[in-house]
Amino acid sequence: MRVVSFWGLLGAAALALGGCGQSGSSSSSSSSSSSTSTTSTTTPAPALTDAQKAALVAQLPAAYQGADLSNGEAKFAVCRSCHTTSQGGEDMTGPNLWGIFGRKAGSEPGFGYSDDMKAAGWTWDADRIDKWITNPRGVLAGTKMTFIGMESATDRRDVIAFLKTQTSPAPKS
């Protein structure tokens, strides 16, 4: 049985409550997203096999290939309060992350990014996501994302590998 301390639960709750947001956003979707997030019209993709997950993780740089996907899923719970990951999934407070690997920053159609994010000029890859989730405002001061960051390099590695398996099409056999 896994035992979680009171302080660990309190910290996780604080992260979830203050995880992300679009302060100053003119988007009206943030006020209604929590009530519609479970009624998405997208069809969930079939679950990936362990071999397919391993093939996707193998596409990442070597530093991410030893990831613990279960830990990544657990740590990604904070991100789920603002982001969806399914193909065709809705934007919430944050943009849908399907196809994030290889996507130009600030380019998800229809999402209200900050001007700084739209002008960032980079493409998302594992290393860029790692830097980003370490301290978003340290990377881009003008971001609307209020997530304070994820300190643990191990947790970031695991989240990135999990994200790869959740936001990428199944590899061809």
N, C-alpha and C. Protein backbone atom coordinates (compact mmCIF):
# COMPACT_ATOMS: atom_id res chain seq x y z
N MET A 1 0.84 -1.18 0.00
CA MET A 1 0.00 0.00 0.00
C MET A 1 0.88 1.24 0.00
N ARG A 2 0.55 2.21 -0.80
CA ARG A 2 1.31 3.43 -0.91
C ARG A 2 0.78 4.44 0.10
N VAL A 3 1.67 5.04 0.86
CA VAL A 3 1.29 6.04 1.86
C VAL A 3 1.72 7.40 1.36
N VAL A 4 0.79 8.34 1.38
CA VAL A 4 1.07 9.70 0.94
C VAL A 4 0.92 10.61 2.15
N SER A 5 1.90 11.45 2.39
CA SER A 5 1.82 12.34 3.54
C SER A 5 0.81 13.45 3.32
N PHE A 6 0.37 14.01 4.42
CA PHE A 6 -0.54 15.15 4.37
C PHE A 6 0.08 16.29 3.57
N TRP A 7 1.37 16.55 3.80
CA TRP A 7 2.05 17.66 3.13
C TRP A 7 2.18 17.39 1.64
N GLY A 8 2.37 16.12 1.28
CA GLY A 8 2.43 15.78 -0.15
C GLY A 8 1.10 16.04 -0.83
N LEU A 9 0.01 15.65 -0.15
CA LEU A 9 -1.33 15.90 -0.71
C LEU A 9 -1.62 17.39 -0.78
N LEU A 10 -1.24 18.12 0.26
CA LEU A 10 -1.47 19.56 0.27
C LEU A 10 -0.70 20.24 -0.86
N GLY A 11 0.53 19.82 -1.07
CA GLY A 11 1.33 20.39 -2.15
C GLY A 11 0.74 20.08 -3.51
N ALA A 12 0.27 18.85 -3.70
CA ALA A 12 -0.34 18.47 -4.98
C ALA A 12 -1.61 19.27 -5.22
N ALA A 13 -2.39 19.47 -4.15
CA ALA A 13 -3.62 20.26 -4.30
C ALA A 13 -3.30 21.71 -4.66
N ALA A 14 -2.27 22.26 -4.05
CA ALA A 14 -1.89 23.64 -4.35
C ALA A 14 -1.44 23.77 -5.80
N LEU A 15 -0.67 22.80 -6.27
CA LEU A 15 -0.24 22.83 -7.67
C LEU A 15 -1.43 22.74 -8.61
N ALA A 16 -2.36 21.87 -8.29
CA ALA A 16 -3.53 21.69 -9.16
C ALA A 16 -4.36 22.95 -9.21
N LEU A 17 -4.53 23.61 -8.06
CA LEU A 17 -5.35 24.82 -8.03
C LEU A 17 -4.66 25.99 -8.71
N GLY A 18 -3.35 26.08 -8.60
CA GLY A 18 -2.63 27.20 -9.19
C GLY A 18 -1.87 26.82 -10.42
N GLY A 19 -2.19 25.68 -11.00
CA GLY A 19 -1.42 25.10 -12.08
C GLY A 19 -1.26 25.92 -13.32
N CYS A 20 -2.31 26.44 -13.85
CA CYS A 20 -2.18 27.16 -15.10
C CYS A 20 -3.35 28.09 -15.27
N GLY A 21 -3.25 28.95 -16.24
CA GLY A 21 -4.34 29.87 -16.50
C GLY A 21 -3.98 30.83 -17.59
N GLN A 22 -4.96 31.57 -17.99
CA GLN A 22 -4.76 32.60 -19.00
C GLN A 22 -5.15 33.93 -18.41
N SER A 23 -4.35 34.40 -17.47
CA SER A 23 -4.68 35.67 -16.88
C SER A 23 -4.72 36.73 -17.96
N GLY A 24 -5.77 37.51 -17.93
CA GLY A 24 -5.92 38.56 -18.92
C GLY A 24 -6.40 38.08 -20.26
N SER A 25 -6.77 36.83 -20.38
CA SER A 25 -7.21 36.29 -21.66
C SER A 25 -8.58 36.82 -22.02
N SER A 26 -8.79 37.04 -23.29
CA SER A 26 -10.11 37.45 -23.74
C SER A 26 -10.94 36.26 -24.16
N SER A 27 -10.39 35.06 -24.01
CA SER A 27 -11.11 33.85 -24.39
C SER A 27 -12.25 33.59 -23.44
N SER A 28 -13.40 33.26 -23.97
CA SER A 28 -14.53 32.95 -23.12
C SER A 28 -14.60 31.47 -22.80
N SER A 29 -13.75 30.66 -23.41
CA SER A 29 -13.82 29.23 -23.19
C SER A 29 -13.39 28.83 -21.80
N SER A 30 -12.57 29.64 -21.12
CA SER A 30 -12.08 29.25 -19.82
C SER A 30 -13.20 29.21 -18.78
N SER A 31 -14.23 30.01 -18.92
CA SER A 31 -15.28 30.02 -17.92
C SER A 31 -16.19 28.82 -18.04
N SER A 32 -16.27 28.22 -19.19
CA SER A 32 -17.17 27.09 -19.36
C SER A 32 -16.43 25.77 -19.56
N SER A 33 -15.12 25.81 -19.59
CA SER A 33 -14.37 24.60 -19.93
C SER A 33 -14.53 23.50 -18.90
N SER A 34 -14.62 23.83 -17.61
CA SER A 34 -14.70 22.76 -16.63
C SER A 34 -16.00 22.00 -16.74
N SER A 35 -17.07 22.65 -17.16
CA SER A 35 -18.33 21.94 -17.27
C SER A 35 -18.44 21.13 -18.55
N THR A 36 -17.62 21.44 -19.54
CA THR A 36 -17.71 20.71 -20.80
C THR A 36 -16.55 19.76 -21.01
N SER A 37 -15.56 19.78 -20.14
CA SER A 37 -14.36 18.99 -20.40
C SER A 37 -14.63 17.49 -20.42
N THR A 38 -15.67 17.03 -19.75
CA THR A 38 -15.94 15.59 -19.75
C THR A 38 -16.93 15.20 -20.84
N THR A 39 -17.43 16.16 -21.59
CA THR A 39 -18.41 15.87 -22.63
C THR A 39 -17.85 16.15 -24.00
N SER A 40 -16.60 15.86 -24.21
CA SER A 40 -15.96 16.10 -25.48
C SER A 40 -16.62 15.26 -26.58
N THR A 41 -16.66 15.82 -27.77
CA THR A 41 -17.26 15.11 -28.89
C THR A 41 -16.24 14.25 -29.63
N THR A 42 -15.01 14.25 -29.18
CA THR A 42 -14.00 13.43 -29.84
C THR A 42 -14.15 11.98 -29.42
N THR A 43 -13.77 11.11 -30.31
CA THR A 43 -13.77 9.68 -30.01
C THR A 43 -12.40 9.33 -29.47
N PRO A 44 -12.34 8.71 -28.30
CA PRO A 44 -11.03 8.38 -27.76
C PRO A 44 -10.29 7.41 -28.67
N ALA A 45 -8.99 7.63 -28.80
CA ALA A 45 -8.17 6.74 -29.61
C ALA A 45 -8.06 5.40 -28.90
N PRO A 46 -7.89 4.33 -29.65
CA PRO A 46 -7.69 3.03 -29.00
C PRO A 46 -6.45 3.10 -28.11
N ALA A 47 -6.48 2.39 -27.02
CA ALA A 47 -5.33 2.37 -26.11
C ALA A 47 -4.12 1.81 -26.83
N LEU A 48 -2.99 2.42 -26.56
CA LEU A 48 -1.75 1.95 -27.15
C LEU A 48 -1.27 0.70 -26.42
N THR A 49 -0.65 -0.18 -27.13
CA THR A 49 -0.03 -1.34 -26.51
C THR A 49 1.27 -0.90 -25.85
N ASP A 50 1.80 -1.74 -24.98
CA ASP A 50 3.09 -1.43 -24.36
C ASP A 50 4.17 -1.28 -25.42
N ALA A 51 4.11 -2.09 -26.46
CA ALA A 51 5.11 -2.01 -27.54
C ALA A 51 5.00 -0.68 -28.29
N GLN A 52 3.77 -0.21 -28.52
CA GLN A 52 3.58 1.07 -29.19
C GLN A 52 4.08 2.22 -28.32
N LYS A 53 3.80 2.17 -27.04
CA LYS A 53 4.29 3.19 -26.12
C LYS A 53 5.81 3.21 -26.13
N ALA A 54 6.42 2.02 -26.07
CA ALA A 54 7.88 1.92 -26.08
C ALA A 54 8.45 2.49 -27.37
N ALA A 55 7.79 2.25 -28.49
CA ALA A 55 8.25 2.78 -29.78
C ALA A 55 8.18 4.30 -29.79
N LEU A 56 7.15 4.87 -29.22
CA LEU A 56 7.03 6.34 -29.16
C LEU A 56 8.10 6.93 -28.25
N VAL A 57 8.30 6.33 -27.09
CA VAL A 57 9.33 6.83 -26.17
C VAL A 57 10.71 6.71 -26.80
N ALA A 58 10.93 5.67 -27.60
CA ALA A 58 12.22 5.49 -28.28
C ALA A 58 12.50 6.60 -29.28
N GLN A 59 11.47 7.32 -29.71
CA GLN A 59 11.67 8.45 -30.62
C GLN A 59 12.23 9.68 -29.91
N LEU A 60 12.18 9.68 -28.58
CA LEU A 60 12.68 10.81 -27.80
C LEU A 60 14.19 10.71 -27.64
N PRO A 61 14.85 11.81 -27.29
CA PRO A 61 16.29 11.74 -27.01
C PRO A 61 16.57 10.74 -25.89
N ALA A 62 17.77 10.22 -25.85
CA ALA A 62 18.16 9.17 -24.91
C ALA A 62 17.84 9.53 -23.45
N ALA A 63 17.98 10.77 -23.08
CA ALA A 63 17.75 11.19 -21.70
C ALA A 63 16.32 10.91 -21.22
N TYR A 64 15.38 10.75 -22.14
CA TYR A 64 13.97 10.54 -21.79
C TYR A 64 13.54 9.09 -21.92
N GLN A 65 14.40 8.25 -22.44
CA GLN A 65 14.00 6.88 -22.76
C GLN A 65 13.89 5.96 -21.56
N GLY A 66 14.43 6.34 -20.42
CA GLY A 66 14.31 5.53 -19.21
C GLY A 66 13.14 5.97 -18.33
N ALA A 67 12.20 6.68 -18.92
CA ALA A 67 11.11 7.27 -18.16
C ALA A 67 10.18 6.23 -17.55
N ASP A 68 9.56 6.62 -16.46
CA ASP A 68 8.53 5.82 -15.79
C ASP A 68 7.19 6.43 -16.20
N LEU A 69 6.50 5.75 -17.11
CA LEU A 69 5.24 6.29 -17.64
C LEU A 69 4.16 6.40 -16.57
N SER A 70 4.17 5.52 -15.60
CA SER A 70 3.18 5.60 -14.52
C SER A 70 3.38 6.86 -13.69
N ASN A 71 4.63 7.17 -13.38
CA ASN A 71 4.91 8.42 -12.66
C ASN A 71 4.56 9.62 -13.53
N GLY A 72 4.88 9.53 -14.82
CA GLY A 72 4.53 10.63 -15.74
C GLY A 72 3.04 10.88 -15.77
N GLU A 73 2.26 9.82 -15.80
CA GLU A 73 0.80 9.96 -15.78
C GLU A 73 0.34 10.61 -14.48
N ALA A 74 0.89 10.19 -13.37
CA ALA A 74 0.51 10.75 -12.07
C ALA A 74 0.87 12.24 -12.00
N LYS A 75 2.05 12.60 -12.45
CA LYS A 75 2.48 14.01 -12.39
C LYS A 75 1.73 14.86 -13.41
N PHE A 76 1.31 14.26 -14.51
CA PHE A 76 0.57 15.00 -15.54
C PHE A 76 -0.83 15.38 -15.06
N ALA A 77 -1.29 14.79 -13.96
CA ALA A 77 -2.62 15.10 -13.43
C ALA A 77 -2.77 16.61 -13.19
N VAL A 78 -1.72 17.27 -12.78
CA VAL A 78 -1.76 18.72 -12.58
C VAL A 78 -2.03 19.42 -13.92
N CYS A 79 -1.46 18.93 -14.98
CA CYS A 79 -1.61 19.54 -16.31
C CYS A 79 -3.03 19.37 -16.86
N ARG A 80 -3.68 18.26 -16.48
CA ARG A 80 -5.03 17.97 -16.98
C ARG A 80 -6.07 19.00 -16.56
N SER A 81 -5.78 19.78 -15.53
CA SER A 81 -6.74 20.80 -15.14
C SER A 81 -6.83 21.90 -16.19
N CYS A 82 -5.85 21.98 -17.08
CA CYS A 82 -5.83 23.03 -18.11
C CYS A 82 -5.69 22.52 -19.54
N HIS A 83 -5.24 21.28 -19.72
CA HIS A 83 -4.93 20.77 -21.05
C HIS A 83 -5.60 19.42 -21.33
N THR A 84 -6.07 19.25 -22.56
CA THR A 84 -6.50 17.95 -23.05
C THR A 84 -5.40 17.41 -23.95
N THR A 85 -5.43 16.10 -24.20
CA THR A 85 -4.37 15.49 -25.01
C THR A 85 -4.88 14.68 -26.19
N SER A 86 -6.18 14.48 -26.30
CA SER A 86 -6.70 13.63 -27.37
C SER A 86 -6.77 14.37 -28.70
N GLN A 87 -6.66 13.61 -29.77
CA GLN A 87 -6.77 14.20 -31.11
C GLN A 87 -8.15 14.82 -31.24
N GLY A 88 -8.19 16.09 -31.62
CA GLY A 88 -9.45 16.80 -31.74
C GLY A 88 -10.02 17.28 -30.42
N GLY A 89 -9.26 17.09 -29.35
CA GLY A 89 -9.72 17.50 -28.02
C GLY A 89 -9.87 19.01 -27.94
N GLU A 90 -10.71 19.42 -27.02
CA GLU A 90 -10.99 20.84 -26.87
C GLU A 90 -9.84 21.59 -26.21
N ASP A 91 -9.79 22.87 -26.49
CA ASP A 91 -8.91 23.76 -25.74
C ASP A 91 -9.62 24.07 -24.44
N MET A 92 -8.86 24.17 -23.39
CA MET A 92 -9.43 24.55 -22.10
C MET A 92 -8.77 25.88 -21.73
N THR A 93 -8.34 26.02 -20.51
CA THR A 93 -7.58 27.21 -20.13
C THR A 93 -6.28 27.23 -20.93
N GLY A 94 -5.72 26.06 -21.17
CA GLY A 94 -4.55 25.89 -22.02
C GLY A 94 -4.95 25.17 -23.30
N PRO A 95 -4.09 25.20 -24.30
CA PRO A 95 -4.44 24.55 -25.58
C PRO A 95 -4.41 23.03 -25.49
N ASN A 96 -5.13 22.39 -26.39
CA ASN A 96 -5.05 20.95 -26.55
C ASN A 96 -3.61 20.61 -26.96
N LEU A 97 -3.08 19.55 -26.41
CA LEU A 97 -1.67 19.21 -26.65
C LEU A 97 -1.46 18.12 -27.69
N TRP A 98 -2.53 17.62 -28.33
CA TRP A 98 -2.34 16.60 -29.37
C TRP A 98 -1.40 17.15 -30.44
N GLY A 99 -0.39 16.39 -30.79
CA GLY A 99 0.54 16.80 -31.83
C GLY A 99 1.54 17.85 -31.38
N ILE A 100 1.73 18.02 -30.07
CA ILE A 100 2.63 19.06 -29.56
C ILE A 100 4.07 18.87 -30.03
N PHE A 101 4.53 17.61 -30.11
CA PHE A 101 5.91 17.37 -30.55
C PHE A 101 6.01 17.70 -32.03
N GLY A 102 6.84 18.69 -32.35
CA GLY A 102 7.00 19.13 -33.73
C GLY A 102 6.11 20.31 -34.10
N ARG A 103 5.26 20.76 -33.19
CA ARG A 103 4.37 21.90 -33.46
C ARG A 103 5.10 23.21 -33.14
N LYS A 104 4.89 24.19 -33.96
CA LYS A 104 5.44 25.52 -33.70
C LYS A 104 4.71 26.13 -32.50
N ALA A 105 5.46 26.76 -31.62
CA ALA A 105 4.87 27.39 -30.43
C ALA A 105 3.82 28.42 -30.84
N GLY A 106 2.73 28.44 -30.09
CA GLY A 106 1.68 29.43 -30.32
C GLY A 106 0.88 29.23 -31.58
N SER A 107 0.81 28.00 -32.09
CA SER A 107 0.17 27.80 -33.39
C SER A 107 -1.07 26.91 -33.37
N GLU A 108 -1.55 26.48 -32.21
CA GLU A 108 -2.77 25.66 -32.17
C GLU A 108 -3.92 26.53 -32.66
N PRO A 109 -4.57 26.16 -33.76
CA PRO A 109 -5.63 27.00 -34.33
C PRO A 109 -6.75 27.29 -33.32
N GLY A 110 -7.13 28.54 -33.26
CA GLY A 110 -8.26 28.96 -32.44
C GLY A 110 -7.95 29.23 -30.99
N PHE A 111 -6.72 28.96 -30.55
CA PHE A 111 -6.40 29.20 -29.15
C PHE A 111 -5.86 30.62 -28.97
N GLY A 112 -6.23 31.28 -27.88
CA GLY A 112 -5.83 32.67 -27.62
C GLY A 112 -4.51 32.78 -26.89
N TYR A 113 -3.42 32.59 -27.60
CA TYR A 113 -2.08 32.68 -27.01
C TYR A 113 -1.70 34.13 -26.73
N SER A 114 -0.75 34.30 -25.82
CA SER A 114 -0.17 35.62 -25.59
C SER A 114 0.62 36.02 -26.84
N ASP A 115 0.82 37.30 -27.02
CA ASP A 115 1.63 37.77 -28.15
C ASP A 115 3.04 37.22 -28.06
N ASP A 116 3.58 37.12 -26.85
CA ASP A 116 4.93 36.58 -26.68
C ASP A 116 5.02 35.13 -27.15
N MET A 117 4.00 34.33 -26.83
CA MET A 117 4.02 32.92 -27.27
C MET A 117 3.89 32.84 -28.78
N LYS A 118 3.02 33.65 -29.36
CA LYS A 118 2.85 33.62 -30.82
C LYS A 118 4.14 34.02 -31.52
N ALA A 119 4.95 34.86 -30.89
CA ALA A 119 6.19 35.35 -31.50
C ALA A 119 7.41 34.54 -31.08
N ALA A 120 7.23 33.51 -30.27
CA ALA A 120 8.37 32.76 -29.70
C ALA A 120 9.28 32.18 -30.78
N GLY A 121 8.70 31.64 -31.84
CA GLY A 121 9.50 31.15 -32.95
C GLY A 121 10.13 29.79 -32.79
N TRP A 122 9.88 29.10 -31.72
CA TRP A 122 10.47 27.77 -31.57
C TRP A 122 9.46 26.68 -31.89
N THR A 123 9.97 25.47 -32.02
CA THR A 123 9.15 24.28 -32.24
C THR A 123 9.29 23.40 -31.01
N TRP A 124 8.16 22.85 -30.56
CA TRP A 124 8.17 22.03 -29.36
C TRP A 124 8.84 20.67 -29.62
N ASP A 125 9.81 20.34 -28.78
CA ASP A 125 10.43 19.02 -28.75
C ASP A 125 10.65 18.69 -27.28
N ALA A 126 11.19 17.53 -27.00
CA ALA A 126 11.35 17.09 -25.61
C ALA A 126 12.18 18.08 -24.79
N ASP A 127 13.30 18.54 -25.33
CA ASP A 127 14.15 19.46 -24.58
C ASP A 127 13.47 20.80 -24.35
N ARG A 128 12.74 21.30 -25.33
CA ARG A 128 12.04 22.58 -25.18
C ARG A 128 10.92 22.44 -24.15
N ILE A 129 10.18 21.33 -24.20
CA ILE A 129 9.11 21.10 -23.22
C ILE A 129 9.72 20.99 -21.82
N ASP A 130 10.87 20.33 -21.71
CA ASP A 130 11.54 20.18 -20.42
C ASP A 130 11.87 21.56 -19.83
N LYS A 131 12.47 22.41 -20.63
CA LYS A 131 12.79 23.77 -20.16
C LYS A 131 11.51 24.51 -19.79
N TRP A 132 10.48 24.37 -20.62
CA TRP A 132 9.22 25.06 -20.42
C TRP A 132 8.57 24.67 -19.10
N ILE A 133 8.43 23.37 -18.86
CA ILE A 133 7.71 22.96 -17.65
C ILE A 133 8.57 23.10 -16.39
N THR A 134 9.86 23.38 -16.55
CA THR A 134 10.69 23.71 -15.40
C THR A 134 10.27 25.06 -14.83
N ASN A 135 10.05 26.04 -15.71
CA ASN A 135 9.69 27.39 -15.27
C ASN A 135 9.18 28.18 -16.47
N PRO A 136 7.90 28.07 -16.79
CA PRO A 136 7.38 28.74 -17.98
C PRO A 136 7.68 30.25 -18.04
N ARG A 137 7.50 30.95 -16.96
CA ARG A 137 7.75 32.40 -16.96
C ARG A 137 9.25 32.73 -17.04
N GLY A 138 10.08 31.80 -16.63
CA GLY A 138 11.52 31.99 -16.78
C GLY A 138 11.94 31.87 -18.24
N VAL A 139 11.18 31.11 -19.01
CA VAL A 139 11.45 30.94 -20.45
C VAL A 139 10.81 32.06 -21.25
N LEU A 140 9.60 32.43 -20.88
CA LEU A 140 8.84 33.41 -21.65
C LEU A 140 8.02 34.26 -20.66
N ALA A 141 8.57 35.38 -20.27
CA ALA A 141 7.96 36.22 -19.22
C ALA A 141 6.52 36.61 -19.55
N GLY A 142 6.19 36.78 -20.81
CA GLY A 142 4.87 37.23 -21.20
C GLY A 142 3.85 36.13 -21.42
N THR A 143 4.14 34.90 -20.99
CA THR A 143 3.18 33.82 -21.18
C THR A 143 1.95 34.02 -20.29
N LYS A 144 0.82 33.53 -20.75
CA LYS A 144 -0.40 33.55 -19.94
C LYS A 144 -0.44 32.36 -18.98
N MET A 145 0.41 31.38 -19.21
CA MET A 145 0.43 30.18 -18.37
C MET A 145 0.94 30.51 -16.99
N THR A 146 0.15 30.20 -15.96
CA THR A 146 0.53 30.54 -14.60
C THR A 146 1.14 29.38 -13.83
N PHE A 147 1.35 28.24 -14.47
CA PHE A 147 1.97 27.08 -13.83
C PHE A 147 3.34 27.50 -13.29
N ILE A 148 3.61 27.17 -12.03
CA ILE A 148 4.85 27.63 -11.40
C ILE A 148 6.08 26.81 -11.78
N GLY A 149 5.87 25.66 -12.35
CA GLY A 149 6.99 24.84 -12.78
C GLY A 149 7.10 23.54 -12.01
N MET A 150 7.87 22.64 -12.56
CA MET A 150 8.08 21.31 -11.98
C MET A 150 9.57 21.18 -11.70
N GLU A 151 9.92 21.15 -10.44
CA GLU A 151 11.31 21.17 -10.03
C GLU A 151 12.08 19.90 -10.35
N SER A 152 11.47 18.75 -10.17
CA SER A 152 12.17 17.48 -10.31
C SER A 152 12.45 17.11 -11.76
N ALA A 153 13.73 16.94 -12.08
CA ALA A 153 14.12 16.52 -13.43
C ALA A 153 13.56 15.14 -13.77
N THR A 154 13.48 14.27 -12.78
CA THR A 154 12.92 12.93 -13.00
C THR A 154 11.44 13.03 -13.36
N ASP A 155 10.70 13.84 -12.61
CA ASP A 155 9.28 14.01 -12.90
C ASP A 155 9.07 14.63 -14.27
N ARG A 156 9.88 15.61 -14.64
CA ARG A 156 9.76 16.23 -15.97
C ARG A 156 10.04 15.19 -17.06
N ARG A 157 11.08 14.40 -16.88
CA ARG A 157 11.39 13.34 -17.86
C ARG A 157 10.20 12.41 -18.03
N ASP A 158 9.62 12.00 -16.92
CA ASP A 158 8.51 11.07 -16.95
C ASP A 158 7.26 11.69 -17.58
N VAL A 159 6.99 12.95 -17.27
CA VAL A 159 5.84 13.65 -17.86
C VAL A 159 6.02 13.77 -19.37
N ILE A 160 7.20 14.12 -19.80
CA ILE A 160 7.46 14.29 -21.24
C ILE A 160 7.27 12.98 -21.99
N ALA A 161 7.77 11.90 -21.44
CA ALA A 161 7.59 10.59 -22.08
C ALA A 161 6.11 10.21 -22.10
N PHE A 162 5.42 10.43 -20.99
CA PHE A 162 3.98 10.15 -20.94
C PHE A 162 3.25 11.01 -21.96
N LEU A 163 3.60 12.29 -22.02
CA LEU A 163 2.98 13.20 -22.98
C LEU A 163 3.19 12.72 -24.42
N LYS A 164 4.36 12.21 -24.72
CA LYS A 164 4.64 11.68 -26.05
C LYS A 164 3.67 10.54 -26.39
N THR A 165 3.38 9.69 -25.41
CA THR A 165 2.49 8.55 -25.67
C THR A 165 1.02 8.97 -25.75
N GLN A 166 0.69 10.14 -25.23
CA GLN A 166 -0.69 10.59 -25.21
C GLN A 166 -1.05 11.55 -26.34
N THR A 167 -0.03 12.14 -26.97
CA THR A 167 -0.29 13.20 -27.94
C THR A 167 0.24 12.89 -29.34
N SER A 168 0.63 11.64 -29.54
CA SER A 168 1.19 11.23 -30.83
C SER A 168 0.38 10.09 -31.40
N PRO A 169 0.27 10.03 -32.72
CA PRO A 169 -0.41 8.89 -33.32
C PRO A 169 0.34 7.60 -33.02
N ALA A 170 -0.38 6.50 -32.98
CA ALA A 170 0.25 5.20 -32.76
C ALA A 170 1.26 4.94 -33.87
N PRO A 171 2.44 4.45 -33.51
CA PRO A 171 3.43 4.14 -34.54
C PRO A 171 2.95 3.00 -35.42
N LYS A 172 3.36 3.02 -36.66
CA LYS A 172 3.00 1.94 -37.59
C LYS A 172 3.76 0.68 -37.20
N SER A 173 3.11 -0.44 -37.32
CA SER A 173 3.72 -1.72 -36.92
C SER A 173 4.83 -2.11 -37.85
